[in-house]
Amino acid sequence: MTERLEFKAAFTVVDDSGAIEGKAWDFTSADRVGDVIEPAAFIGAVGKSVPMLFAHDQAQAVGVWDSVTVEADGLKVKGKLLVDEVARAKEVRGLVKAGAVTGLSVGFMTKKAAPRKGGGRTISDLDLVEVSIVAVPAHPGAQVSSVKELEMTTAATAENKTTETEVKAADLKAANDNIAALTKRLEEAETKLARPNVITDKKAEPTDEAKAFDAYLRHGKEAGVEELKALTVSSDPAGGYLAPAEFSAEFVRNLVQYSPIRQYASVRSTGSPSVIYPARTSVTNAKWKGETQTQEGSEPAFGQAEIPVNELNTFVDISNQLLADSAGVAEAEVRLALAEDFGQKEGQAFLTGTGASMPMGLLKDPNITVGKTTASATAIAPDELIDLYFSLPALYRQNGVWGMNTKTLAAVRKLKDGQGAYLYQSPQTVGEPASLLGRPIAELLEMDDIATGKDSVIFGDFSGYRIVDRLSMSILANPYLLATNGITRFHATRRVGAAVLQPAKFKKLRQA
């Protein structure tokens, strides 16, 4: 992009030998379009030689600026027109001495700039490419990213005024710059609105009030005493616990991890309070017989497997004043906190649930048997994992998934076979799970650690675990229940059931 600017500059020396000096840029005020170049932006050019062009035409190199200095009032340049070597340089010297050419123009590439209030930019870093002697606005074919032109006067001539054409060009340039700056600001605003949680710079440590508010959202009245003291409180019914003195749009969130069991289990939906599945509890009993032997019958047994739908619920009280002051941020954060909490509780129940008012967990189901017991109470051997793998029938084994927690996974990650190759295989593509003996690994956070008598690993076809969704998480806001106290109550409910339908599809590794 080519830019130009009218400003004050002056040749202080123009002699017959071709020596020339001048002010290439003035630091004392902004240019016509509001741009300011900081003195430090030219530091990289100090002490270097810069080409001297005529009218920013690279084919018209007429000399060299061999002195570039940054002074309080402007960028000063000294150089020499090569009048003895370049015919065009001798012509330019004549034009300068006659006052026909009265301008200096710096050509540079902007590296860092920031918008100024009211329009224009503050340029704090640039690469100075050349300084031209000019009489008219910058050449439209100049191969630089920015060109700023300064008006200069000679000792023999008065300051020339900008022509009407140049003024119109500068005004048009200023209007275009302002439109471009406004467009950029709108794009940045739209980006921030579309991605409200992206943090692009470092933030100060959250205040005690923000920490306490976050703790209350997650733990309610069970939050620590010190955390509750940090809040501005009057009484709980009046919503005092939820009235921090300072409220920020940025919430501090703890890391919440979820169990991936849903990814591998069999998930169904229902509209009933429970689901009953017919189940065959024994097989037929066929026998070989001779030609004259009597055929014997068999009676397979049938039963029912019922999965009750359990309910997970809670509520959160928020002061109406806080909801209004936060412009919707507090309500959104409450909903996010509830969703994270419910997801975490659900994942725990799928593994360790007792079946009493909650799903029956895989580790608690008494029908899932131990496929292998380790020789050590504190370690796992590679052969023991192989034994566990083959303890499962081939039909289920081909769809098997390993389940273990982070600590156990770290120990298994180090195991090698007899040839020194790791049993653990890293994923080949992004998004795929790691594998062990050719089958994927699911990191189940609630699994037991490697310890005496614990079930540290489970292997199986997780389609044998049935999850029944009755109702997706519902959050209802009631602003009237505690209307006299200025409180809105958010009720959250999730109805889900789960149980093992086919225990034969799973085997556990138990530590000695």
Protein backbone atom coordinates (compact mmCIF):
# COMPACT_ATOMS: atom_id res chain seq x y z
CA MET A 1 0.00 0.00 0.00
CA THR A 2 1.38 3.45 -0.91
CA GLU A 3 0.74 6.39 1.44
CA ARG A 4 1.79 10.06 1.39
CA LEU A 5 1.84 12.98 3.78
CA GLU A 6 2.55 16.73 3.63
CA PHE A 7 4.68 18.00 6.51
CA LYS A 8 7.58 20.30 7.40
CA ALA A 9 11.16 19.44 6.49
CA ALA A 10 14.08 21.41 5.13
CA PHE A 11 17.31 21.03 3.25
CA THR A 12 19.98 22.63 5.38
CA VAL A 13 22.81 22.02 2.92
CA VAL A 14 22.78 21.68 -0.86
CA ASP A 15 26.14 22.50 -2.46
CA ASP A 16 27.79 22.10 -5.83
CA SER A 17 29.57 18.92 -4.80
CA GLY A 18 26.23 17.22 -4.23
CA ALA A 19 26.23 17.17 -0.41
CA ILE A 20 22.72 17.34 0.98
CA GLU A 21 21.12 17.34 4.42
CA GLY A 22 17.57 17.48 5.57
CA LYS A 23 14.86 16.47 8.01
CA ALA A 24 13.16 13.39 6.66
CA TRP A 25 10.51 13.14 9.40
CA ASP A 26 9.22 15.48 12.10
CA PHE A 27 8.49 13.98 15.55
CA THR A 28 6.75 17.03 17.01
CA SER A 29 3.25 16.37 15.71
CA ALA A 30 1.05 13.96 13.79
CA ASP A 31 0.70 14.01 10.03
CA ARG A 32 -2.40 15.02 8.08
CA VAL A 33 -4.06 11.62 8.52
CA GLY A 34 -3.17 11.38 12.18
CA ASP A 35 -0.17 9.05 11.94
CA VAL A 36 2.72 9.41 14.37
CA ILE A 37 6.07 7.66 14.08
CA GLU A 38 7.90 7.21 17.37
CA PRO A 39 11.65 8.09 17.34
CA ALA A 40 12.52 4.56 18.49
CA ALA A 41 11.01 3.17 15.28
CA PHE A 42 14.02 4.51 13.29
CA ILE A 43 16.71 3.17 15.64
CA GLY A 44 17.43 0.23 13.36
CA ALA A 45 18.48 2.59 10.55
CA VAL A 46 20.93 4.65 12.64
CA GLY A 47 24.51 4.19 11.50
CA LYS A 48 23.51 2.54 8.23
CA SER A 49 23.56 3.76 4.64
CA VAL A 50 20.21 4.26 2.95
CA PRO A 51 19.56 4.58 -0.81
CA MET A 52 18.71 8.05 -2.13
CA LEU A 53 16.04 7.85 -4.83
CA PHE A 54 14.20 10.41 -6.87
CA ALA A 55 10.40 10.23 -6.60
CA HIS A 56 10.55 6.68 -5.14
CA ASP A 57 11.61 5.35 -8.52
CA GLN A 58 13.99 2.46 -8.01
CA ALA A 59 15.36 3.08 -11.50
CA GLN A 60 16.41 6.58 -10.43
CA ALA A 61 18.99 6.06 -7.68
CA VAL A 62 20.74 9.43 -7.50
CA GLY A 63 22.91 9.08 -4.40
CA VAL A 64 23.26 7.66 -0.92
CA TRP A 65 22.35 8.81 2.57
CA ASP A 66 25.43 7.88 4.59
CA SER A 67 24.27 9.43 7.87
CA VAL A 68 20.93 8.73 9.54
CA THR A 69 20.39 10.16 13.02
CA VAL A 70 17.44 10.37 15.38
CA GLU A 71 17.19 13.74 17.12
CA ALA A 72 14.59 15.26 19.41
CA ASP A 73 12.74 17.11 16.67
CA GLY A 74 13.03 14.66 13.81
CA LEU A 75 14.88 12.13 11.67
CA LYS A 76 17.96 13.85 10.18
CA VAL A 77 19.70 12.53 7.08
CA LYS A 78 22.93 13.54 5.39
CA GLY A 79 24.16 12.28 2.07
CA LYS A 80 25.55 13.04 -1.33
CA LEU A 81 24.12 13.31 -4.80
CA LEU A 82 26.45 11.44 -7.18
CA VAL A 83 26.64 14.39 -9.57
CA ASP A 84 29.91 13.21 -11.18
CA GLU A 85 28.78 9.61 -11.72
CA VAL A 86 25.02 9.85 -12.40
CA ALA A 87 23.64 12.36 -14.88
CA ARG A 88 20.22 12.27 -13.25
CA ALA A 89 21.80 13.23 -9.91
CA LYS A 90 23.22 16.42 -11.45
CA GLU A 91 19.75 17.28 -12.77
CA VAL A 92 18.17 16.66 -9.36
CA ARG A 93 20.76 18.90 -7.70
CA GLY A 94 19.80 21.67 -10.11
CA LEU A 95 16.11 21.16 -9.36
CA VAL A 96 16.74 21.32 -5.60
CA LYS A 97 18.85 24.46 -5.80
CA ALA A 98 16.24 26.12 -7.99
CA GLY A 99 13.46 25.26 -5.51
CA ALA A 100 11.57 23.14 -8.04
CA VAL A 101 11.94 20.08 -5.83
CA THR A 102 11.10 20.73 -2.18
CA GLY A 103 10.24 17.42 -0.60
CA LEU A 104 11.77 14.53 1.28
CA SER A 105 9.88 11.25 1.55
CA VAL A 106 10.71 8.23 3.67
CA GLY A 107 9.89 4.79 2.34
CA PHE A 108 9.48 2.11 4.98
CA MET A 109 7.74 -1.16 5.82
CA THR A 110 5.60 -1.05 8.97
CA LYS A 111 6.35 -3.81 11.50
CA LYS A 112 4.29 -2.67 14.47
CA ALA A 113 1.54 -0.06 14.75
CA ALA A 114 -1.45 0.68 16.95
CA PRO A 115 -4.57 2.78 16.22
CA ARG A 116 -4.74 6.26 17.72
CA LYS A 117 -7.82 7.74 19.30
CA GLY A 118 -9.53 9.94 16.75
CA GLY A 119 -7.90 8.24 13.76
CA GLY A 120 -4.47 7.45 12.44
CA ARG A 121 -1.80 5.18 13.88
CA THR A 122 1.15 5.23 16.21
CA ILE A 123 3.96 3.43 14.41
CA SER A 124 6.46 2.02 16.89
CA ASP A 125 8.60 -0.22 14.68
CA LEU A 126 9.53 -0.16 10.99
CA ASP A 127 12.19 -1.00 8.43
CA LEU A 128 13.51 2.12 6.66
CA VAL A 129 13.92 1.17 2.98
CA GLU A 130 14.88 4.46 1.31
CA VAL A 131 14.60 8.23 1.49
CA SER A 132 13.54 9.99 -1.72
CA ILE A 133 13.79 13.52 -3.02
CA VAL A 134 10.34 14.36 -4.35
CA ALA A 135 8.35 17.23 -5.81
CA VAL A 136 4.96 15.55 -6.14
CA PRO A 137 3.03 12.93 -4.13
CA ALA A 138 4.63 9.48 -3.81
CA HIS A 139 4.94 7.51 -7.02
CA PRO A 140 2.01 5.04 -7.29
CA GLY A 141 4.33 2.25 -8.28
CA ALA A 142 6.62 2.50 -5.27
CA GLN A 143 7.46 -0.95 -4.00
CA VAL A 144 7.22 -0.29 -0.31
CA SER A 145 4.53 -0.91 2.25
CA SER A 146 4.31 2.72 3.41
CA VAL A 147 5.57 6.02 2.04
CA LYS A 148 5.43 9.24 4.07
CA GLU A 149 6.25 12.49 2.31
CA LEU A 150 7.47 15.66 4.04
CA GLU A 151 7.53 19.14 2.58
CA MET A 152 10.94 20.86 2.69
CA THR A 153 12.12 24.37 1.97
CA THR A 154 15.50 25.60 0.86
CA ALA A 155 17.29 28.57 2.30
CA ALA A 156 16.48 30.51 -0.84
CA THR A 157 12.75 29.69 -1.08
CA ALA A 158 9.77 30.09 1.17
CA GLU A 159 7.67 27.16 2.33
CA ASN A 160 5.59 25.84 -0.56
CA LYS A 161 1.91 25.19 0.00
CA THR A 162 0.28 21.91 -0.85
CA THR A 163 -1.64 21.93 -4.07
CA GLU A 164 -5.39 21.42 -4.09
CA THR A 165 -4.96 18.01 -5.75
CA GLU A 166 -2.58 16.87 -3.04
CA VAL A 167 -4.93 18.02 -0.28
CA LYS A 168 -7.83 16.09 -1.83
CA ALA A 169 -5.65 13.00 -2.16
CA ALA A 170 -4.60 13.27 1.49
CA ASP A 171 -8.22 13.72 2.62
CA LEU A 172 -9.27 10.68 0.58
CA LYS A 173 -6.41 8.71 2.08
CA ALA A 174 -7.45 9.73 5.60
CA ALA A 175 -11.07 8.68 4.95
CA ASN A 176 -9.97 5.30 3.60
CA ASP A 177 -7.69 4.77 6.60
CA ASN A 178 -10.50 5.55 9.03
CA ILE A 179 -12.84 3.14 7.25
CA ALA A 180 -10.18 0.43 7.36
CA ALA A 181 -9.53 1.05 11.07
CA LEU A 182 -13.26 0.93 11.86
CA THR A 183 -13.68 -2.30 9.89
CA LYS A 184 -10.80 -3.88 11.80
CA ARG A 185 -12.28 -2.86 15.16
CA LEU A 186 -15.65 -4.33 14.21
CA GLU A 187 -14.02 -7.61 13.16
CA GLU A 188 -12.10 -7.80 16.43
CA ALA A 189 -15.28 -7.11 18.42
CA GLU A 190 -17.20 -9.82 16.53
CA THR A 191 -14.37 -12.28 17.16
CA LYS A 192 -14.38 -11.56 20.90
CA LEU A 193 -18.16 -11.94 21.10
CA ALA A 194 -18.05 -15.23 19.22
CA ARG A 195 -15.29 -16.61 21.47
CA PRO A 196 -15.98 -15.20 24.94
CA ASN A 197 -13.78 -17.71 26.78
CA VAL A 198 -10.59 -17.23 24.75
CA ILE A 199 -7.99 -15.50 26.89
CA THR A 200 -5.29 -13.83 24.82
CA ASP A 201 -3.38 -12.08 27.58
CA LYS A 202 -2.39 -12.71 31.16
CA LYS A 203 -4.92 -11.73 33.79
CA ALA A 204 -4.39 -10.67 37.36
CA GLU A 205 -4.90 -13.17 40.16
CA PRO A 206 -8.66 -13.51 40.86
CA THR A 207 -9.91 -11.69 43.92
CA ASP A 208 -11.01 -13.49 47.08
CA GLU A 209 -14.62 -12.62 46.22
CA ALA A 210 -14.36 -14.23 42.78
CA LYS A 211 -12.76 -17.37 44.27
CA ALA A 212 -15.44 -17.59 46.95
CA PHE A 213 -18.23 -17.12 44.43
CA ASP A 214 -16.79 -19.90 42.29
CA ALA A 215 -16.58 -22.17 45.35
CA TYR A 216 -20.20 -21.46 46.27
CA LEU A 217 -21.42 -22.28 42.77
CA ARG A 218 -19.71 -25.66 42.96
CA HIS A 219 -20.24 -26.62 46.61
CA GLY A 220 -23.12 -24.50 47.89
CA LYS A 221 -23.22 -24.11 51.66
CA GLU A 222 -20.57 -26.81 51.96
CA ALA A 223 -17.93 -24.38 50.73
CA GLY A 224 -15.14 -23.66 53.18
CA VAL A 225 -15.68 -21.16 55.98
CA GLU A 226 -12.80 -18.99 54.82
CA GLU A 227 -14.26 -18.87 51.33
CA LEU A 228 -17.66 -17.80 52.61
CA LYS A 229 -16.10 -15.12 54.79
CA ALA A 230 -14.61 -13.57 51.68
CA LEU A 231 -18.09 -12.80 50.39
CA THR A 232 -20.15 -9.79 51.38
CA VAL A 233 -22.76 -11.49 53.56
CA SER A 234 -25.86 -10.49 55.41
CA SER A 235 -27.85 -13.70 55.60
CA ASP A 236 -28.18 -16.72 53.39
CA PRO A 237 -31.94 -16.36 52.68
CA ALA A 238 -31.33 -12.76 51.59
CA GLY A 239 -28.82 -13.86 49.02
CA GLY A 240 -25.87 -12.35 50.84
CA TYR A 241 -23.61 -15.25 49.98
CA LEU A 242 -24.06 -14.42 46.33
CA ALA A 243 -23.32 -10.71 46.41
CA PRO A 244 -19.57 -10.28 45.85
CA ALA A 245 -18.31 -6.72 46.00
CA GLU A 246 -16.54 -7.13 42.67
CA PHE A 247 -17.83 -9.12 39.71
CA SER A 248 -15.71 -9.92 36.67
CA ALA A 249 -16.87 -11.32 33.35
CA GLU A 250 -14.03 -13.82 33.53
CA PHE A 251 -14.69 -16.81 35.78
CA VAL A 252 -11.97 -18.96 37.32
CA ARG A 253 -12.80 -22.58 36.54
CA ASN A 254 -11.31 -25.74 37.92
CA LEU A 255 -10.52 -28.58 35.54
CA VAL A 256 -13.44 -31.00 35.35
CA GLN A 257 -12.77 -34.38 33.77
CA TYR A 258 -15.45 -36.77 32.59
CA SER A 259 -15.62 -40.50 32.26
CA PRO A 260 -15.62 -41.75 28.64
CA ILE A 261 -17.84 -44.76 29.40
CA ARG A 262 -20.72 -43.31 27.36
CA GLN A 263 -18.47 -43.47 24.30
CA TYR A 264 -18.24 -47.26 24.51
CA ALA A 265 -21.39 -48.34 26.38
CA SER A 266 -24.80 -49.09 24.88
CA VAL A 267 -26.96 -45.97 25.33
CA ARG A 268 -30.75 -45.94 24.98
CA SER A 269 -33.59 -43.52 25.70
CA THR A 270 -36.86 -44.21 27.47
CA GLY A 271 -40.03 -42.45 28.50
CA SER A 272 -40.70 -44.74 31.49
CA PRO A 273 -39.45 -44.72 35.09
CA SER A 274 -37.70 -48.06 34.47
CA VAL A 275 -36.84 -50.42 31.64
CA ILE A 276 -37.25 -54.20 31.83
CA TYR A 277 -35.27 -56.43 29.48
CA PRO A 278 -36.10 -60.14 29.06
CA ALA A 279 -33.00 -62.19 29.81
CA ARG A 280 -32.02 -65.80 29.28
CA THR A 281 -30.37 -67.09 32.43
CA SER A 282 -29.35 -70.57 31.23
CA VAL A 283 -28.78 -72.41 27.95
CA THR A 284 -30.22 -75.57 26.47
CA ASN A 285 -28.53 -78.91 27.18
CA ALA A 286 -28.14 -80.93 23.98
CA LYS A 287 -26.48 -84.39 24.21
CA TRP A 288 -25.07 -86.93 21.80
CA LYS A 289 -27.17 -90.08 21.50
CA GLY A 290 -27.12 -93.40 19.79
CA GLU A 291 -29.61 -94.69 17.28
CA THR A 292 -31.81 -96.40 19.80
CA GLN A 293 -31.30 -94.06 22.73
CA THR A 294 -34.10 -91.88 24.02
CA GLN A 295 -33.90 -88.18 23.26
CA GLU A 296 -33.78 -85.94 26.32
CA GLY A 297 -35.26 -82.46 26.53
CA SER A 298 -33.85 -79.32 28.16
CA GLU A 299 -35.44 -76.21 29.50
CA PRO A 300 -33.49 -72.93 29.28
CA ALA A 301 -34.33 -70.53 32.06
CA PHE A 302 -35.54 -67.00 31.38
CA GLY A 303 -35.78 -63.99 33.59
CA GLN A 304 -35.87 -60.22 33.56
CA ALA A 305 -33.25 -57.52 33.93
CA GLU A 306 -34.65 -54.22 35.14
CA ILE A 307 -32.83 -50.90 34.93
CA PRO A 308 -34.47 -48.27 37.14
CA VAL A 309 -34.13 -44.64 36.08
CA ASN A 310 -32.48 -42.67 38.89
CA GLU A 311 -32.62 -38.95 39.47
CA LEU A 312 -29.73 -36.57 40.09
CA ASN A 313 -30.74 -33.07 41.18
CA THR A 314 -29.76 -29.92 43.03
CA PHE A 315 -30.58 -26.24 43.06
CA VAL A 316 -28.62 -22.99 43.22
CA ASP A 317 -29.84 -19.64 44.57
CA ILE A 318 -28.61 -16.45 42.88
CA SER A 319 -29.50 -12.89 43.88
CA ASN A 320 -31.52 -11.03 41.27
CA GLN A 321 -29.20 -8.07 41.61
CA LEU A 322 -26.21 -10.21 40.68
CA LEU A 323 -28.07 -11.67 37.70
CA ALA A 324 -28.85 -8.16 36.47
CA ASP A 325 -25.39 -6.70 37.11
CA SER A 326 -23.57 -9.54 35.36
CA ALA A 327 -25.53 -9.09 32.10
CA GLY A 328 -26.25 -12.81 31.85
CA VAL A 329 -22.73 -13.99 32.68
CA ALA A 330 -23.67 -15.28 36.16
CA GLU A 331 -26.58 -17.35 34.84
CA ALA A 332 -24.46 -18.81 32.05
CA GLU A 333 -21.75 -19.71 34.56
CA VAL A 334 -24.28 -21.38 36.87
CA ARG A 335 -25.55 -23.51 34.01
CA LEU A 336 -22.01 -24.45 33.01
CA ALA A 337 -21.10 -25.36 36.60
CA LEU A 338 -24.20 -27.56 36.90
CA ALA A 339 -23.48 -29.32 33.62
CA GLU A 340 -19.88 -30.03 34.67
CA ASP A 341 -20.98 -31.28 38.10
CA PHE A 342 -23.68 -33.57 36.68
CA GLY A 343 -21.31 -34.99 34.06
CA GLN A 344 -18.70 -35.77 36.70
CA LYS A 345 -21.20 -37.38 39.10
CA GLU A 346 -22.66 -39.48 36.29
CA GLY A 347 -19.23 -40.78 35.28
CA GLN A 348 -18.46 -41.76 38.87
CA ALA A 349 -21.73 -43.66 39.20
CA PHE A 350 -21.10 -45.65 35.99
CA LEU A 351 -18.02 -47.14 37.66
CA THR A 352 -18.60 -47.10 41.41
CA GLY A 353 -22.39 -46.69 41.75
CA THR A 354 -24.01 -49.01 44.29
CA GLY A 355 -27.36 -49.34 42.53
CA ALA A 356 -29.19 -47.74 45.48
CA SER A 357 -30.80 -44.54 44.14
CA MET A 358 -28.05 -44.44 41.55
CA PRO A 359 -26.85 -46.54 38.61
CA MET A 360 -25.07 -49.83 39.26
CA GLY A 361 -21.39 -49.34 38.49
CA LEU A 362 -19.14 -51.73 36.61
CA LEU A 363 -16.80 -52.20 39.55
CA LYS A 364 -19.65 -52.91 41.97
CA ASP A 365 -21.56 -55.47 39.92
CA PRO A 366 -21.03 -58.84 41.67
CA ASN A 367 -21.54 -60.81 38.44
CA ILE A 368 -18.39 -59.48 36.77
CA THR A 369 -15.66 -61.95 37.57
CA VAL A 370 -11.92 -61.67 38.00
CA GLY A 371 -10.09 -62.81 34.87
CA LYS A 372 -6.60 -62.68 36.36
CA THR A 373 -5.01 -62.07 39.75
CA THR A 374 -1.56 -60.53 39.74
CA ALA A 375 1.42 -62.02 41.48
CA SER A 376 2.34 -58.69 43.04
CA ALA A 377 0.12 -56.37 45.06
CA THR A 378 1.91 -53.28 43.77
CA ALA A 379 2.80 -54.09 40.16
CA ILE A 380 1.44 -55.54 36.91
CA ALA A 381 3.44 -57.91 34.68
CA PRO A 382 3.07 -57.94 30.88
CA ASP A 383 2.05 -61.61 30.88
CA GLU A 384 -0.76 -60.87 33.33
CA LEU A 385 -2.31 -58.40 30.90
CA ILE A 386 -2.04 -61.01 28.16
CA ASP A 387 -3.78 -63.57 30.42
CA LEU A 388 -6.55 -61.07 31.18
CA TYR A 389 -6.97 -60.37 27.46
CA PHE A 390 -7.46 -64.05 26.62
CA SER A 391 -9.70 -64.72 29.62
CA LEU A 392 -12.47 -63.07 27.62
CA PRO A 393 -14.25 -65.11 24.89
CA ALA A 394 -13.03 -64.32 21.37
CA LEU A 395 -16.41 -62.91 20.33
CA TYR A 396 -16.24 -60.27 23.04
CA ARG A 397 -12.48 -59.86 22.88
CA GLN A 398 -12.55 -58.45 19.36
CA ASN A 399 -14.65 -55.50 20.61
CA GLY A 400 -12.83 -55.20 23.92
CA VAL A 401 -11.71 -51.94 25.53
CA TRP A 402 -9.20 -51.55 28.37
CA GLY A 403 -10.25 -49.41 31.33
CA MET A 404 -7.83 -48.03 33.94
CA ASN A 405 -7.06 -44.81 35.76
CA THR A 406 -4.20 -42.40 35.11
CA LYS A 407 -1.73 -43.93 37.59
CA THR A 408 -2.29 -47.45 36.29
CA LEU A 409 -1.99 -46.22 32.71
CA ALA A 410 1.38 -44.68 33.58
CA ALA A 411 2.59 -48.04 34.91
CA VAL A 412 1.26 -49.98 31.91
CA ARG A 413 2.85 -47.43 29.58
CA LYS A 414 6.28 -48.66 30.72
CA LEU A 415 5.71 -52.40 30.18
CA LYS A 416 7.66 -54.18 27.42
CA ASP A 417 7.48 -57.60 25.82
CA GLY A 418 10.33 -60.09 25.55
CA GLN A 419 11.80 -58.26 22.55
CA GLY A 420 11.85 -54.91 24.36
CA ALA A 421 8.85 -53.45 22.51
CA TYR A 422 6.28 -51.49 24.50
CA LEU A 423 2.87 -53.11 24.89
CA TYR A 424 1.34 -49.63 24.86
CA GLN A 425 0.90 -48.15 21.39
CA SER A 426 0.47 -44.42 20.88
CA PRO A 427 -2.42 -43.27 18.62
CA GLN A 428 -1.52 -43.03 14.94
CA THR A 429 -3.85 -40.12 14.17
CA VAL A 430 -5.21 -37.22 16.17
CA GLY A 431 -8.39 -38.06 18.07
CA GLU A 432 -7.85 -41.83 18.21
CA PRO A 433 -7.22 -43.54 21.58
CA ALA A 434 -4.00 -45.27 22.53
CA SER A 435 -4.06 -49.07 22.37
CA LEU A 436 -2.85 -52.05 24.36
CA LEU A 437 -2.51 -55.44 22.66
CA GLY A 438 -4.37 -53.97 19.72
CA ARG A 439 -7.41 -52.77 21.68
CA PRO A 440 -8.19 -49.12 22.69
CA ILE A 441 -7.61 -47.75 26.18
CA ALA A 442 -10.26 -45.73 28.02
CA GLU A 443 -8.95 -43.60 30.89
CA LEU A 444 -11.50 -44.18 33.65
CA LEU A 445 -10.71 -41.76 36.45
CA GLU A 446 -12.60 -43.63 39.18
CA MET A 447 -10.84 -46.98 38.67
CA ASP A 448 -8.79 -48.32 41.59
CA ASP A 449 -5.07 -47.63 41.87
CA ILE A 450 -2.61 -50.51 41.84
CA ALA A 451 -2.88 -51.63 45.48
CA THR A 452 -3.51 -54.75 47.53
CA GLY A 453 -6.78 -56.44 46.60
CA LYS A 454 -7.88 -53.68 44.22
CA ASP A 455 -9.35 -54.10 40.74
CA SER A 456 -6.88 -51.95 38.83
CA VAL A 457 -7.86 -52.88 35.24
CA ILE A 458 -11.09 -53.91 33.54
CA PHE A 459 -11.24 -55.34 30.03
CA GLY A 460 -14.35 -56.04 28.06
CA ASP A 461 -16.94 -55.24 25.46
CA PHE A 462 -18.63 -52.20 26.99
CA SER A 463 -21.79 -52.73 24.94
CA GLY A 464 -22.69 -55.09 27.78
CA TYR A 465 -23.21 -52.03 29.97
CA ARG A 466 -26.57 -50.38 29.26
CA ILE A 467 -27.21 -46.67 29.93
CA VAL A 468 -30.83 -45.50 29.80
CA ASP A 469 -31.58 -41.78 29.50
CA ARG A 470 -34.99 -40.70 30.72
CA LEU A 471 -34.41 -36.96 30.67
CA SER A 472 -31.53 -34.83 29.50
CA MET A 473 -30.32 -32.34 32.08
CA SER A 474 -33.06 -29.80 32.73
CA ILE A 475 -32.42 -26.42 34.37
CA LEU A 476 -35.47 -24.42 35.41
CA ALA A 477 -35.29 -20.90 36.83
CA ASN A 478 -37.84 -19.85 39.46
CA PRO A 479 -37.64 -16.11 40.18
CA TYR A 480 -40.81 -16.12 42.37
CA LEU A 481 -40.16 -18.70 45.09
CA LEU A 482 -38.02 -16.29 47.10
CA ALA A 483 -39.23 -13.11 45.43
CA THR A 484 -39.40 -11.18 48.70
CA ASN A 485 -35.70 -11.75 49.23
CA GLY A 486 -34.67 -10.96 45.66
CA ILE A 487 -33.47 -14.51 44.91
CA THR A 488 -33.82 -16.64 41.78
CA ARG A 489 -33.53 -20.40 42.29
CA PHE A 490 -32.18 -22.61 39.51
CA HIS A 491 -33.40 -26.21 39.71
CA ALA A 492 -31.29 -28.79 37.86
CA THR A 493 -32.44 -32.36 37.22
CA ARG A 494 -30.99 -35.32 35.35
CA ARG A 495 -32.69 -38.73 35.12
CA VAL A 496 -30.56 -41.63 34.00
CA GLY A 497 -30.20 -45.31 34.81
CA ALA A 498 -27.46 -47.82 34.08
CA ALA A 499 -26.61 -51.44 34.81
CA VAL A 500 -24.60 -54.40 33.53
CA LEU A 501 -26.81 -56.51 31.24
CA GLN A 502 -24.12 -58.96 30.10
CA PRO A 503 -21.49 -59.50 32.81
CA ALA A 504 -19.79 -62.19 30.69
CA LYS A 505 -18.48 -59.41 28.45
CA PHE A 506 -16.16 -58.10 31.19
CA LYS A 507 -13.15 -59.36 33.12
CA LYS A 508 -11.23 -57.63 35.89
CA LEU A 509 -7.56 -57.68 36.85
CA ARG A 510 -7.23 -57.94 40.63
CA GLN A 511 -4.06 -57.17 42.54
CA ALA A 512 -2.80 -59.90 44.89
